[in-house]
Amino acid sequence: MCHILCHTDAMPSINFRQLRNTRQLLSWLEAGQVVELRKRNDLVARIVPENPRPSPTEWPDAAARRRRIFGDRVIPAVEILIEERNSRY
């Protein structure tokens, strides 16, 4: 019975009874998510928002920040850790 368990939690789903809660449905659609409409566990339709998903958030450049803070200096973290462990045990 794969059709019961194969949908993922990444895509929100709603059944006909839950359609009364239009706030939740609208918040998903406004966030750009595709919503699965189900009758019991069977997929009936997918509700697709008018606007495409917003572009993903751009992450800061951690490597550039590290170079700005530390320069070209290499920190031998592994060697320091080994020395600390050897001195304790």
C-alpha atoms as a PDB file:
ATOM      1  CA  MET A   1       0.000   0.000   0.000  1.00  0.00           C
ATOM      2  CA  CYS A   2       2.597   2.519  -1.094  1.00  0.00           C
ATOM      3  CA  HIS A   3       0.023   5.138  -2.089  1.00  0.00           C
ATOM      4  CA  ILE A   4      -0.781   5.663   1.582  1.00  0.00           C
ATOM      5  CA  LEU A   5       2.745   6.311   2.801  1.00  0.00           C
ATOM      6  CA  CYS A   6       4.580   7.771  -0.190  1.00  0.00           C
ATOM      7  CA  HIS A   7       3.718  11.445   0.148  1.00  0.00           C
ATOM      8  CA  THR A   8       6.341  13.559   1.876  1.00  0.00           C
ATOM      9  CA  ASP A   9       5.952  16.132   4.595  1.00  0.00           C
ATOM     10  CA  ALA A  10       7.840  18.657   2.476  1.00  0.00           C
ATOM     11  CA  MET A  11       4.673  19.362   0.504  1.00  0.00           C
ATOM     12  CA  PRO A  12       1.751  20.383   2.714  1.00  0.00           C
ATOM     13  CA  SER A  13      -1.459  18.444   2.230  1.00  0.00           C
ATOM     14  CA  ILE A  14      -5.040  19.156   3.204  1.00  0.00           C
ATOM     15  CA  ASN A  15      -8.196  17.071   3.001  1.00  0.00           C
ATOM     16  CA  PHE A  16     -11.700  18.200   2.075  1.00  0.00           C
ATOM     17  CA  ARG A  17     -12.798  18.562   5.687  1.00  0.00           C
ATOM     18  CA  GLN A  18      -9.801  20.785   6.444  1.00  0.00           C
ATOM     19  CA  LEU A  19     -10.638  23.092   3.536  1.00  0.00           C
ATOM     20  CA  ARG A  20     -12.763  25.055   6.001  1.00  0.00           C
ATOM     21  CA  ASN A  21      -9.483  26.338   7.445  1.00  0.00           C
ATOM     22  CA  THR A  22      -8.764  28.704   4.576  1.00  0.00           C
ATOM     23  CA  ARG A  23      -6.203  30.678   6.602  1.00  0.00           C
ATOM     24  CA  GLN A  24      -3.782  27.754   6.659  1.00  0.00           C
ATOM     25  CA  LEU A  25      -4.329  27.044   2.971  1.00  0.00           C
ATOM     26  CA  LEU A  26      -3.811  30.704   2.042  1.00  0.00           C
ATOM     27  CA  SER A  27      -0.653  30.986   4.138  1.00  0.00           C
ATOM     28  CA  TRP A  28       0.847  27.986   2.334  1.00  0.00           C
ATOM     29  CA  LEU A  29      -0.089  29.367  -1.070  1.00  0.00           C
ATOM     30  CA  GLU A  30       1.187  32.859  -0.229  1.00  0.00           C
ATOM     31  CA  ALA A  31       4.486  31.259   0.819  1.00  0.00           C
ATOM     32  CA  GLY A  32       4.695  29.774  -2.679  1.00  0.00           C
ATOM     33  CA  GLN A  33       4.083  26.177  -1.643  1.00  0.00           C
ATOM     34  CA  VAL A  34       2.158  23.646  -3.701  1.00  0.00           C
ATOM     35  CA  VAL A  35      -0.623  22.088  -1.596  1.00  0.00           C
ATOM     36  CA  GLU A  36      -1.906  18.547  -2.085  1.00  0.00           C
ATOM     37  CA  LEU A  37      -5.677  18.092  -1.843  1.00  0.00           C
ATOM     38  CA  ARG A  38      -6.519  14.624  -0.558  1.00  0.00           C
ATOM     39  CA  LYS A  39      -9.628  12.519  -0.066  1.00  0.00           C
ATOM     40  CA  ARG A  40      -8.674  10.254   2.815  1.00  0.00           C
ATOM     41  CA  ASN A  41      -5.150   9.228   1.763  1.00  0.00           C
ATOM     42  CA  ASP A  42      -5.700   9.450  -1.983  1.00  0.00           C
ATOM     43  CA  LEU A  43      -4.281  12.431  -3.845  1.00  0.00           C
ATOM     44  CA  VAL A  44      -7.073  14.234  -5.707  1.00  0.00           C
ATOM     45  CA  ALA A  45      -5.324  17.397  -6.901  1.00  0.00           C
ATOM     46  CA  ARG A  46      -2.442  19.779  -6.373  1.00  0.00           C
ATOM     47  CA  ILE A  47      -3.212  23.428  -5.767  1.00  0.00           C
ATOM     48  CA  VAL A  48      -0.471  25.536  -7.343  1.00  0.00           C
ATOM     49  CA  PRO A  49       0.020  29.180  -6.297  1.00  0.00           C
ATOM     50  CA  GLU A  50      -0.267  31.912  -8.915  1.00  0.00           C
ATOM     51  CA  ASN A  51       3.172  33.324  -8.084  1.00  0.00           C
ATOM     52  CA  PRO A  52       6.230  31.080  -8.264  1.00  0.00           C
ATOM     53  CA  ARG A  53       8.186  30.251  -5.148  1.00  0.00           C
ATOM     54  CA  PRO A  54      10.292  33.100  -3.818  1.00  0.00           C
ATOM     55  CA  SER A  55      13.973  32.839  -4.579  1.00  0.00           C
ATOM     56  CA  PRO A  56      15.963  31.024  -1.899  1.00  0.00           C
ATOM     57  CA  THR A  57      17.712  33.077   0.733  1.00  0.00           C
ATOM     58  CA  GLU A  58      21.292  33.864  -0.181  1.00  0.00           C
ATOM     59  CA  TRP A  59      23.700  32.672   2.486  1.00  0.00           C
ATOM     60  CA  PRO A  60      26.616  34.868   3.551  1.00  0.00           C
ATOM     61  CA  ASP A  61      30.057  33.994   2.241  1.00  0.00           C
ATOM     62  CA  ALA A  62      31.643  32.361   5.289  1.00  0.00           C
ATOM     63  CA  ALA A  63      34.968  31.767   3.554  1.00  0.00           C
ATOM     64  CA  ALA A  64      35.319  35.470   2.669  1.00  0.00           C
ATOM     65  CA  ARG A  65      34.449  36.445   6.237  1.00  0.00           C
ATOM     66  CA  ARG A  66      37.026  34.002   7.618  1.00  0.00           C
ATOM     67  CA  ARG A  67      39.694  35.441   5.287  1.00  0.00           C
ATOM     68  CA  ARG A  68      38.756  38.981   6.348  1.00  0.00           C
ATOM     69  CA  ILE A  69      39.076  38.095  10.056  1.00  0.00           C
ATOM     70  CA  PHE A  70      42.054  35.725  10.029  1.00  0.00           C
ATOM     71  CA  GLY A  71      43.792  36.560   6.750  1.00  0.00           C
ATOM     72  CA  ASP A  72      45.934  33.757   5.319  1.00  0.00           C
ATOM     73  CA  ARG A  73      46.821  32.474   8.778  1.00  0.00           C
ATOM     74  CA  VAL A  74      46.368  28.717   9.212  1.00  0.00           C
ATOM     75  CA  ILE A  75      45.173  27.602  12.617  1.00  0.00           C
ATOM     76  CA  PRO A  76      46.343  24.047  13.361  1.00  0.00           C
ATOM     77  CA  ALA A  77      43.201  23.127  15.288  1.00  0.00           C
ATOM     78  CA  VAL A  78      43.731  19.375  15.047  1.00  0.00           C
ATOM     79  CA  GLU A  79      47.287  19.575  16.346  1.00  0.00           C
ATOM     80  CA  ILE A  80      46.204  21.829  19.232  1.00  0.00           C
ATOM     81  CA  LEU A  81      43.436  19.401  20.147  1.00  0.00           C
ATOM     82  CA  ILE A  82      45.805  16.412  20.093  1.00  0.00           C
ATOM     83  CA  GLU A  83      48.311  18.270  22.297  1.00  0.00           C
ATOM     84  CA  GLU A  84      45.591  19.181  24.805  1.00  0.00           C
ATOM     85  CA  ARG A  85      44.313  15.614  24.965  1.00  0.00           C
ATOM     86  CA  ASN A  86      47.815  14.182  25.373  1.00  0.00           C
ATOM     87  CA  SER A  87      48.611  16.544  28.231  1.00  0.00           C
ATOM     88  CA  ARG A  88      45.448  15.538  30.121  1.00  0.00           C
ATOM     89  CA  TYR A  89      45.699  11.773  29.778  1.00  0.00           C
END
